[in-house]
N, C-alpha and C. Protein backbone atom coordinates (compact mmCIF):
# COMPACT_ATOMS: atom_id res chain seq x y z
N MET A 1 -2.39 -5.95 14.03
CA MET A 1 -3.82 -6.08 13.83
C MET A 1 -4.15 -7.54 13.57
N GLN A 2 -5.25 -7.94 14.09
CA GLN A 2 -5.68 -9.33 13.96
C GLN A 2 -6.46 -9.52 12.66
N SER A 3 -6.24 -10.66 12.02
CA SER A 3 -6.93 -11.00 10.78
C SER A 3 -8.39 -11.33 11.05
N ARG A 4 -9.27 -10.85 10.18
CA ARG A 4 -10.68 -11.22 10.26
C ARG A 4 -10.92 -12.59 9.64
N PHE A 5 -9.96 -13.07 8.89
CA PHE A 5 -10.06 -14.37 8.22
C PHE A 5 -9.21 -15.36 9.01
N SER A 6 -9.79 -15.82 10.12
CA SER A 6 -9.02 -16.66 11.03
C SER A 6 -9.93 -17.68 11.70
N ILE A 7 -9.30 -18.68 12.30
CA ILE A 7 -9.99 -19.69 13.10
C ILE A 7 -9.41 -19.59 14.50
N PHE A 8 -10.25 -19.27 15.48
CA PHE A 8 -9.82 -19.12 16.86
C PHE A 8 -8.63 -18.15 16.96
N GLY A 9 -8.67 -17.08 16.18
CA GLY A 9 -7.64 -16.07 16.21
C GLY A 9 -6.41 -16.35 15.36
N HIS A 10 -6.32 -17.54 14.78
CA HIS A 10 -5.17 -17.89 13.96
C HIS A 10 -5.50 -17.61 12.49
N PRO A 11 -4.75 -16.72 11.84
CA PRO A 11 -5.07 -16.33 10.47
C PRO A 11 -4.97 -17.51 9.49
N LEU A 12 -5.92 -17.58 8.57
CA LEU A 12 -5.99 -18.68 7.60
C LEU A 12 -4.89 -18.62 6.55
N HIS A 13 -4.57 -17.43 6.06
CA HIS A 13 -3.60 -17.32 4.97
C HIS A 13 -2.27 -17.99 5.28
N PRO A 14 -1.64 -17.69 6.44
CA PRO A 14 -0.37 -18.38 6.73
C PRO A 14 -0.51 -19.89 6.88
N MET A 15 -1.68 -20.34 7.32
CA MET A 15 -1.87 -21.79 7.45
C MET A 15 -1.98 -22.44 6.07
N LEU A 16 -2.61 -21.77 5.13
CA LEU A 16 -2.88 -22.37 3.83
C LEU A 16 -1.70 -22.28 2.86
N ILE A 17 -0.78 -21.35 3.07
CA ILE A 17 0.30 -21.16 2.10
C ILE A 17 1.34 -22.27 2.12
N THR A 18 1.38 -23.04 3.18
CA THR A 18 2.42 -24.07 3.27
C THR A 18 2.28 -25.10 2.14
N LEU A 19 1.08 -25.45 1.79
CA LEU A 19 0.88 -26.45 0.74
C LEU A 19 1.35 -25.96 -0.64
N PRO A 20 0.89 -24.80 -1.11
CA PRO A 20 1.40 -24.37 -2.42
C PRO A 20 2.91 -24.11 -2.43
N ILE A 21 3.48 -23.62 -1.34
CA ILE A 21 4.93 -23.40 -1.31
C ILE A 21 5.65 -24.73 -1.53
N GLY A 22 5.23 -25.75 -0.81
CA GLY A 22 5.84 -27.07 -0.98
C GLY A 22 5.63 -27.63 -2.37
N LEU A 23 4.44 -27.45 -2.91
CA LEU A 23 4.14 -27.99 -4.24
C LEU A 23 4.91 -27.26 -5.34
N PHE A 24 4.97 -25.93 -5.27
CA PHE A 24 5.74 -25.19 -6.27
C PHE A 24 7.20 -25.64 -6.24
N SER A 25 7.75 -25.76 -5.04
CA SER A 25 9.14 -26.18 -4.90
C SER A 25 9.34 -27.61 -5.40
N TRP A 26 8.41 -28.50 -5.09
CA TRP A 26 8.53 -29.90 -5.51
C TRP A 26 8.42 -30.03 -7.03
N ALA A 27 7.63 -29.21 -7.67
CA ALA A 27 7.55 -29.24 -9.14
C ALA A 27 8.92 -28.93 -9.74
N LEU A 28 9.62 -27.95 -9.18
CA LEU A 28 10.97 -27.63 -9.66
C LEU A 28 11.92 -28.79 -9.39
N VAL A 29 11.84 -29.40 -8.22
CA VAL A 29 12.69 -30.55 -7.90
C VAL A 29 12.41 -31.68 -8.90
N ALA A 30 11.15 -31.92 -9.22
CA ALA A 30 10.80 -32.97 -10.19
C ALA A 30 11.38 -32.66 -11.57
N ASP A 31 11.40 -31.38 -11.96
CA ASP A 31 12.05 -31.00 -13.22
C ASP A 31 13.52 -31.39 -13.21
N ILE A 32 14.19 -31.08 -12.12
CA ILE A 32 15.62 -31.36 -12.02
C ILE A 32 15.87 -32.86 -12.03
N VAL A 33 15.05 -33.61 -11.29
CA VAL A 33 15.22 -35.07 -11.28
C VAL A 33 14.93 -35.63 -12.67
N TYR A 34 13.94 -35.10 -13.36
CA TYR A 34 13.63 -35.52 -14.73
C TYR A 34 14.87 -35.35 -15.62
N LEU A 35 15.53 -34.22 -15.49
CA LEU A 35 16.72 -33.96 -16.29
C LEU A 35 17.88 -34.89 -15.90
N LEU A 36 18.00 -35.20 -14.61
CA LEU A 36 19.11 -36.02 -14.13
C LEU A 36 18.90 -37.52 -14.31
N THR A 37 17.69 -37.95 -14.56
CA THR A 37 17.40 -39.39 -14.69
C THR A 37 17.21 -39.78 -16.15
N ASP A 38 17.87 -39.09 -17.03
CA ASP A 38 17.76 -39.38 -18.45
C ASP A 38 16.31 -39.32 -18.92
N ARG A 39 15.60 -38.35 -18.39
CA ARG A 39 14.22 -38.02 -18.79
C ARG A 39 13.22 -39.14 -18.53
N ASP A 40 13.22 -39.60 -17.30
CA ASP A 40 12.23 -40.58 -16.85
C ASP A 40 10.87 -39.88 -16.79
N MET A 41 9.90 -40.35 -17.58
CA MET A 41 8.60 -39.71 -17.71
C MET A 41 7.82 -39.64 -16.41
N THR A 42 8.13 -40.49 -15.47
CA THR A 42 7.46 -40.42 -14.17
C THR A 42 7.69 -39.05 -13.54
N TRP A 43 8.93 -38.57 -13.63
CA TRP A 43 9.25 -37.27 -13.04
C TRP A 43 8.65 -36.12 -13.84
N TYR A 44 8.51 -36.27 -15.12
CA TYR A 44 7.82 -35.27 -15.93
C TYR A 44 6.37 -35.15 -15.47
N ASP A 45 5.72 -36.29 -15.30
CA ASP A 45 4.33 -36.31 -14.86
C ASP A 45 4.19 -35.73 -13.45
N ILE A 46 5.15 -36.06 -12.58
CA ILE A 46 5.12 -35.51 -11.22
C ILE A 46 5.21 -33.98 -11.28
N SER A 47 6.11 -33.47 -12.10
CA SER A 47 6.26 -32.02 -12.25
C SER A 47 4.96 -31.39 -12.74
N TYR A 48 4.38 -31.98 -13.76
CA TYR A 48 3.15 -31.44 -14.37
C TYR A 48 2.01 -31.39 -13.35
N TRP A 49 1.71 -32.52 -12.72
CA TRP A 49 0.57 -32.59 -11.80
C TRP A 49 0.84 -31.82 -10.51
N THR A 50 2.09 -31.79 -10.07
CA THR A 50 2.42 -31.01 -8.88
C THR A 50 2.26 -29.52 -9.16
N GLY A 51 2.67 -29.09 -10.35
CA GLY A 51 2.48 -27.69 -10.73
C GLY A 51 1.01 -27.29 -10.75
N ILE A 52 0.18 -28.16 -11.28
CA ILE A 52 -1.26 -27.88 -11.30
C ILE A 52 -1.82 -27.82 -9.88
N ALA A 53 -1.44 -28.78 -9.04
CA ALA A 53 -1.89 -28.76 -7.64
C ALA A 53 -1.41 -27.50 -6.93
N ALA A 54 -0.20 -27.05 -7.24
CA ALA A 54 0.34 -25.84 -6.63
C ALA A 54 -0.50 -24.62 -7.00
N VAL A 55 -0.89 -24.53 -8.27
CA VAL A 55 -1.70 -23.40 -8.72
C VAL A 55 -3.05 -23.41 -8.01
N VAL A 56 -3.69 -24.57 -7.95
CA VAL A 56 -5.01 -24.66 -7.32
C VAL A 56 -4.93 -24.29 -5.84
N THR A 57 -3.97 -24.86 -5.12
CA THR A 57 -3.86 -24.56 -3.69
C THR A 57 -3.42 -23.12 -3.43
N ALA A 58 -2.63 -22.56 -4.35
CA ALA A 58 -2.24 -21.15 -4.20
C ALA A 58 -3.45 -20.23 -4.34
N LEU A 59 -4.33 -20.57 -5.27
CA LEU A 59 -5.54 -19.75 -5.43
C LEU A 59 -6.45 -19.87 -4.21
N VAL A 60 -6.51 -21.04 -3.61
CA VAL A 60 -7.29 -21.21 -2.38
C VAL A 60 -6.66 -20.37 -1.26
N ALA A 61 -5.35 -20.42 -1.12
CA ALA A 61 -4.65 -19.64 -0.08
C ALA A 61 -4.78 -18.14 -0.33
N ALA A 62 -4.94 -17.76 -1.59
CA ALA A 62 -5.05 -16.35 -1.94
C ALA A 62 -6.36 -15.73 -1.44
N LEU A 63 -7.38 -16.53 -1.28
CA LEU A 63 -8.68 -15.98 -0.87
C LEU A 63 -8.61 -15.28 0.48
N PRO A 64 -8.17 -15.95 1.56
CA PRO A 64 -8.06 -15.20 2.82
C PRO A 64 -6.93 -14.16 2.77
N GLY A 65 -5.91 -14.41 1.96
CA GLY A 65 -4.84 -13.42 1.80
C GLY A 65 -5.38 -12.13 1.21
N PHE A 66 -6.24 -12.25 0.21
CA PHE A 66 -6.84 -11.05 -0.39
C PHE A 66 -7.78 -10.38 0.61
N GLY A 67 -8.49 -11.21 1.39
CA GLY A 67 -9.34 -10.63 2.44
C GLY A 67 -8.53 -9.82 3.43
N ASP A 68 -7.38 -10.35 3.85
CA ASP A 68 -6.50 -9.59 4.75
C ASP A 68 -5.99 -8.32 4.07
N TYR A 69 -5.72 -8.42 2.79
CA TYR A 69 -5.22 -7.27 2.04
C TYR A 69 -6.22 -6.12 2.07
N VAL A 70 -7.48 -6.41 1.77
CA VAL A 70 -8.47 -5.32 1.69
C VAL A 70 -8.96 -4.87 3.06
N THR A 71 -8.89 -5.74 4.08
CA THR A 71 -9.38 -5.33 5.40
C THR A 71 -8.29 -4.79 6.31
N MET A 72 -7.04 -5.11 6.06
CA MET A 72 -5.96 -4.64 6.94
C MET A 72 -4.86 -3.91 6.19
N ALA A 73 -4.30 -4.57 5.21
CA ALA A 73 -3.06 -4.07 4.60
C ALA A 73 -3.22 -2.72 3.92
N LEU A 74 -4.35 -2.50 3.27
CA LEU A 74 -4.54 -1.22 2.59
C LEU A 74 -4.59 -0.05 3.56
N ARG A 75 -4.89 -0.30 4.83
CA ARG A 75 -4.97 0.76 5.84
C ARG A 75 -3.67 0.88 6.62
N SER A 76 -2.66 0.13 6.26
CA SER A 76 -1.46 0.09 7.09
C SER A 76 -0.27 0.74 6.42
N ASP A 77 0.79 0.87 7.19
CA ASP A 77 2.04 1.37 6.65
C ASP A 77 2.74 0.32 5.80
N GLY A 78 2.23 -0.91 5.77
CA GLY A 78 2.78 -1.98 4.95
C GLY A 78 2.04 -2.17 3.64
N ARG A 79 1.23 -1.19 3.25
CA ARG A 79 0.40 -1.31 2.04
C ARG A 79 1.22 -1.62 0.79
N GLY A 80 2.31 -0.94 0.58
CA GLY A 80 3.14 -1.17 -0.61
C GLY A 80 3.74 -2.56 -0.62
N ILE A 81 4.22 -3.01 0.54
CA ILE A 81 4.79 -4.36 0.64
C ILE A 81 3.70 -5.39 0.37
N ALA A 82 2.51 -5.17 0.93
CA ALA A 82 1.41 -6.11 0.73
C ALA A 82 1.02 -6.19 -0.73
N THR A 83 1.00 -5.07 -1.42
CA THR A 83 0.66 -5.06 -2.84
C THR A 83 1.71 -5.82 -3.64
N LEU A 84 2.97 -5.56 -3.34
CA LEU A 84 4.05 -6.28 -4.04
C LEU A 84 3.99 -7.77 -3.75
N HIS A 85 3.71 -8.15 -2.50
CA HIS A 85 3.57 -9.55 -2.10
C HIS A 85 2.47 -10.22 -2.95
N MET A 86 1.34 -9.57 -3.08
CA MET A 86 0.24 -10.12 -3.86
C MET A 86 0.62 -10.24 -5.34
N LEU A 87 1.22 -9.22 -5.89
CA LEU A 87 1.59 -9.23 -7.31
C LEU A 87 2.64 -10.31 -7.61
N LEU A 88 3.58 -10.49 -6.71
CA LEU A 88 4.58 -11.55 -6.89
C LEU A 88 3.91 -12.92 -6.86
N ASN A 89 2.99 -13.13 -5.93
CA ASN A 89 2.30 -14.42 -5.85
C ASN A 89 1.47 -14.68 -7.10
N LEU A 90 0.79 -13.67 -7.60
CA LEU A 90 0.02 -13.84 -8.84
C LEU A 90 0.95 -14.12 -10.02
N SER A 91 2.13 -13.54 -10.01
CA SER A 91 3.11 -13.81 -11.06
C SER A 91 3.58 -15.25 -11.00
N VAL A 92 3.80 -15.76 -9.80
CA VAL A 92 4.21 -17.17 -9.64
C VAL A 92 3.13 -18.08 -10.22
N VAL A 93 1.88 -17.81 -9.88
CA VAL A 93 0.78 -18.61 -10.41
C VAL A 93 0.76 -18.54 -11.93
N ALA A 94 0.92 -17.36 -12.49
CA ALA A 94 0.91 -17.21 -13.94
C ALA A 94 2.06 -17.98 -14.59
N LEU A 95 3.25 -17.93 -14.01
CA LEU A 95 4.40 -18.66 -14.56
C LEU A 95 4.13 -20.16 -14.58
N PHE A 96 3.54 -20.67 -13.51
CA PHE A 96 3.26 -22.11 -13.45
C PHE A 96 2.11 -22.50 -14.35
N VAL A 97 1.16 -21.62 -14.57
CA VAL A 97 0.08 -21.90 -15.54
C VAL A 97 0.66 -22.01 -16.94
N VAL A 98 1.54 -21.08 -17.29
CA VAL A 98 2.20 -21.15 -18.61
C VAL A 98 3.02 -22.44 -18.71
N GLY A 99 3.73 -22.78 -17.64
CA GLY A 99 4.49 -24.03 -17.62
C GLY A 99 3.60 -25.24 -17.85
N ALA A 100 2.44 -25.26 -17.19
CA ALA A 100 1.51 -26.39 -17.35
C ALA A 100 0.96 -26.46 -18.77
N ILE A 101 0.71 -25.32 -19.36
CA ILE A 101 0.24 -25.30 -20.75
C ILE A 101 1.31 -25.89 -21.67
N LEU A 102 2.55 -25.51 -21.44
CA LEU A 102 3.64 -26.06 -22.25
C LEU A 102 3.81 -27.57 -22.02
N GLN A 103 3.62 -28.01 -20.79
CA GLN A 103 3.80 -29.42 -20.45
C GLN A 103 2.63 -30.30 -20.89
N TYR A 104 1.48 -29.70 -21.13
CA TYR A 104 0.28 -30.46 -21.45
C TYR A 104 0.54 -31.43 -22.60
N ASP A 105 0.03 -32.64 -22.45
CA ASP A 105 0.11 -33.69 -23.47
C ASP A 105 1.57 -33.94 -23.89
N GLU A 106 2.44 -33.92 -22.88
CA GLU A 106 3.88 -34.18 -23.07
C GLU A 106 4.52 -33.25 -24.09
N GLY A 107 4.09 -31.99 -24.08
CA GLY A 107 4.59 -31.02 -25.04
C GLY A 107 5.93 -30.42 -24.72
N ALA A 108 6.50 -30.75 -23.55
CA ALA A 108 7.77 -30.14 -23.17
C ALA A 108 8.74 -31.20 -22.64
N THR A 109 8.80 -32.33 -23.31
CA THR A 109 9.68 -33.40 -22.85
C THR A 109 11.14 -33.18 -23.24
N SER A 110 11.38 -32.27 -24.19
CA SER A 110 12.76 -31.99 -24.60
C SER A 110 12.80 -30.66 -25.33
N GLY A 111 14.00 -30.23 -25.65
CA GLY A 111 14.20 -29.03 -26.45
C GLY A 111 13.87 -27.73 -25.74
N ALA A 112 13.52 -26.73 -26.56
CA ALA A 112 13.27 -25.38 -26.05
C ALA A 112 12.08 -25.33 -25.11
N SER A 113 11.07 -26.15 -25.36
CA SER A 113 9.89 -26.15 -24.47
C SER A 113 10.26 -26.64 -23.07
N LEU A 114 11.08 -27.67 -23.00
CA LEU A 114 11.54 -28.17 -21.70
C LEU A 114 12.36 -27.11 -20.99
N THR A 115 13.26 -26.47 -21.71
CA THR A 115 14.07 -25.40 -21.12
C THR A 115 13.17 -24.29 -20.60
N ALA A 116 12.15 -23.93 -21.37
CA ALA A 116 11.23 -22.88 -20.96
C ALA A 116 10.51 -23.25 -19.67
N VAL A 117 10.04 -24.50 -19.56
CA VAL A 117 9.33 -24.95 -18.36
C VAL A 117 10.25 -24.88 -17.15
N VAL A 118 11.47 -25.37 -17.28
CA VAL A 118 12.40 -25.36 -16.15
C VAL A 118 12.71 -23.92 -15.73
N VAL A 119 12.91 -23.04 -16.70
CA VAL A 119 13.19 -21.63 -16.38
C VAL A 119 11.96 -20.99 -15.72
N LEU A 120 10.77 -21.26 -16.24
CA LEU A 120 9.55 -20.72 -15.63
C LEU A 120 9.41 -21.18 -14.19
N HIS A 121 9.64 -22.46 -13.94
CA HIS A 121 9.55 -22.98 -12.58
C HIS A 121 10.63 -22.41 -11.68
N LEU A 122 11.83 -22.28 -12.19
CA LEU A 122 12.94 -21.72 -11.41
C LEU A 122 12.67 -20.26 -11.04
N VAL A 123 12.25 -19.48 -12.00
CA VAL A 123 11.92 -18.07 -11.73
C VAL A 123 10.74 -17.99 -10.78
N GLY A 124 9.74 -18.85 -10.98
CA GLY A 124 8.58 -18.86 -10.10
C GLY A 124 8.95 -19.14 -8.65
N VAL A 125 9.79 -20.12 -8.43
CA VAL A 125 10.21 -20.45 -7.06
C VAL A 125 11.06 -19.32 -6.48
N GLY A 126 11.88 -18.69 -7.30
CA GLY A 126 12.65 -17.54 -6.82
C GLY A 126 11.75 -16.39 -6.40
N LEU A 127 10.74 -16.08 -7.22
CA LEU A 127 9.79 -15.02 -6.86
C LEU A 127 8.99 -15.40 -5.62
N LEU A 128 8.69 -16.68 -5.49
CA LEU A 128 7.98 -17.16 -4.31
C LEU A 128 8.80 -16.94 -3.04
N ALA A 129 10.09 -17.17 -3.12
CA ALA A 129 10.97 -16.94 -1.97
C ALA A 129 10.97 -15.45 -1.59
N LEU A 130 11.06 -14.59 -2.58
CA LEU A 130 11.01 -13.14 -2.32
C LEU A 130 9.67 -12.76 -1.71
N SER A 131 8.60 -13.29 -2.26
CA SER A 131 7.27 -12.99 -1.74
C SER A 131 7.11 -13.48 -0.30
N GLY A 132 7.66 -14.64 0.01
CA GLY A 132 7.61 -15.14 1.37
C GLY A 132 8.34 -14.24 2.33
N TRP A 133 9.47 -13.72 1.90
CA TRP A 133 10.22 -12.77 2.73
C TRP A 133 9.36 -11.54 3.00
N LEU A 134 8.68 -11.05 1.96
CA LEU A 134 7.82 -9.88 2.13
C LEU A 134 6.65 -10.20 3.06
N GLY A 135 6.10 -11.40 2.96
CA GLY A 135 5.04 -11.81 3.88
C GLY A 135 5.52 -11.80 5.32
N GLY A 136 6.74 -12.24 5.54
CA GLY A 136 7.33 -12.17 6.87
C GLY A 136 7.47 -10.73 7.35
N GLU A 137 7.86 -9.85 6.45
CA GLU A 137 7.95 -8.43 6.80
C GLU A 137 6.58 -7.90 7.25
N LEU A 138 5.53 -8.30 6.54
CA LEU A 138 4.19 -7.84 6.91
C LEU A 138 3.80 -8.32 8.31
N SER A 139 4.15 -9.54 8.63
CA SER A 139 3.79 -10.08 9.94
C SER A 139 4.69 -9.55 11.05
N TYR A 140 6.00 -9.64 10.84
CA TYR A 140 6.93 -9.38 11.93
C TYR A 140 7.32 -7.91 12.09
N ARG A 141 7.35 -7.16 11.02
CA ARG A 141 7.70 -5.75 11.14
C ARG A 141 6.47 -4.84 11.18
N HIS A 142 5.44 -5.20 10.41
CA HIS A 142 4.24 -4.36 10.35
C HIS A 142 3.10 -4.91 11.20
N HIS A 143 3.30 -6.05 11.80
CA HIS A 143 2.36 -6.66 12.76
C HIS A 143 0.97 -6.89 12.20
N LEU A 144 0.89 -7.23 10.93
CA LEU A 144 -0.40 -7.56 10.33
C LEU A 144 -0.71 -9.03 10.56
N ALA A 145 -1.96 -9.33 10.87
CA ALA A 145 -2.46 -10.69 11.11
C ALA A 145 -1.80 -11.35 12.31
N ILE A 146 -1.51 -10.55 13.32
CA ILE A 146 -0.94 -11.11 14.55
C ILE A 146 -2.01 -11.14 15.63
N ILE A 147 -1.74 -11.89 16.69
CA ILE A 147 -2.63 -11.92 17.85
C ILE A 147 -1.94 -11.09 18.93
N PRO A 148 -2.48 -9.90 19.24
CA PRO A 148 -1.85 -9.06 20.26
C PRO A 148 -1.84 -9.77 21.62
N ASP A 149 -0.78 -9.52 22.40
CA ASP A 149 -0.64 -10.16 23.71
C ASP A 149 -1.68 -9.67 24.71
N ASP A 150 -2.05 -8.39 24.62
CA ASP A 150 -3.02 -7.86 25.58
C ASP A 150 -3.82 -6.73 24.93
N ALA A 151 -4.81 -6.24 25.64
CA ALA A 151 -5.70 -5.21 25.10
C ALA A 151 -4.94 -3.92 24.79
N GLU A 152 -3.96 -3.58 25.63
CA GLU A 152 -3.19 -2.35 25.39
C GLU A 152 -2.40 -2.43 24.09
N GLN A 153 -1.77 -3.58 23.86
CA GLN A 153 -1.02 -3.77 22.61
C GLN A 153 -1.98 -3.74 21.42
N GLU A 154 -3.16 -4.31 21.56
CA GLU A 154 -4.13 -4.30 20.47
C GLU A 154 -4.55 -2.87 20.14
N ARG A 155 -4.81 -2.05 21.16
CA ARG A 155 -5.17 -0.64 20.92
C ARG A 155 -4.02 0.09 20.21
N ALA A 156 -2.79 -0.19 20.65
CA ALA A 156 -1.63 0.46 20.03
C ALA A 156 -1.50 0.07 18.56
N GLU A 157 -1.75 -1.20 18.25
CA GLU A 157 -1.66 -1.66 16.86
C GLU A 157 -2.76 -1.03 16.01
N HIS A 158 -3.97 -0.93 16.55
CA HIS A 158 -5.06 -0.29 15.79
C HIS A 158 -4.74 1.18 15.54
N ALA A 159 -4.20 1.86 16.55
CA ALA A 159 -3.83 3.27 16.38
C ALA A 159 -2.72 3.41 15.34
N ARG A 160 -1.78 2.47 15.33
CA ARG A 160 -0.67 2.51 14.38
C ARG A 160 -1.15 2.38 12.94
N HIS A 161 -2.23 1.63 12.74
CA HIS A 161 -2.72 1.36 11.39
C HIS A 161 -3.94 2.18 11.01
N GLU A 162 -4.24 3.23 11.78
CA GLU A 162 -5.36 4.08 11.43
C GLU A 162 -5.04 4.77 10.11
N LEU A 163 -6.08 5.14 9.38
CA LEU A 163 -5.87 5.80 8.09
C LEU A 163 -5.19 7.15 8.31
N ARG A 164 -4.01 7.26 7.77
CA ARG A 164 -3.27 8.51 7.77
C ARG A 164 -3.24 9.00 6.32
N PRO A 165 -3.01 10.28 6.11
CA PRO A 165 -3.01 10.77 4.72
C PRO A 165 -2.10 9.96 3.80
N GLU A 166 -0.90 9.56 4.27
CA GLU A 166 0.02 8.82 3.41
C GLU A 166 -0.39 7.35 3.25
N ALA A 167 -1.29 6.85 4.09
CA ALA A 167 -1.70 5.45 4.01
C ALA A 167 -3.07 5.27 3.35
N ARG A 168 -3.70 6.38 2.97
CA ARG A 168 -5.02 6.28 2.36
C ARG A 168 -4.92 5.73 0.95
N PRO A 169 -5.84 4.83 0.59
CA PRO A 169 -5.84 4.33 -0.80
C PRO A 169 -6.13 5.48 -1.76
N ARG A 170 -5.43 5.49 -2.88
CA ARG A 170 -5.65 6.53 -3.89
C ARG A 170 -6.88 6.20 -4.70
N SER A 171 -7.71 7.23 -4.95
CA SER A 171 -8.91 6.98 -5.75
C SER A 171 -8.73 7.33 -7.18
């Protein structure tokens, strides 16, 4: 099924996710470099501001993703995967928000707070990897947000994702 949130048929969500993925990952790299460089504050600041940028861009990418969720995924056989994908992404955002709160005003330059930030970022990037795998499943196995090759394939995809008793949202 084709995404309604697209430009010239190309879905917005996959285009927008590249930035937060890179930023979340880079925040973790900056944490590691901070630890390896005898706590050079430049890397602490890079981690902090990159984490904030990752959260902001993730929320922007979530908008068309949520639109795809309510217009396509809830009607498909990939509904459960799509829900888990969304929940994992929201969890990543929450972990990085907590990390940013701990890092605010140099509050996590050492000790247990620093350990907590690194663990939050590490777990967040791990969950992000799992969520990305699930996003691939939605596209490649469940054919959500794809551009059908021809009209016959498009009809087949629409028929595949028609509301069936097991795919209906529970009220």
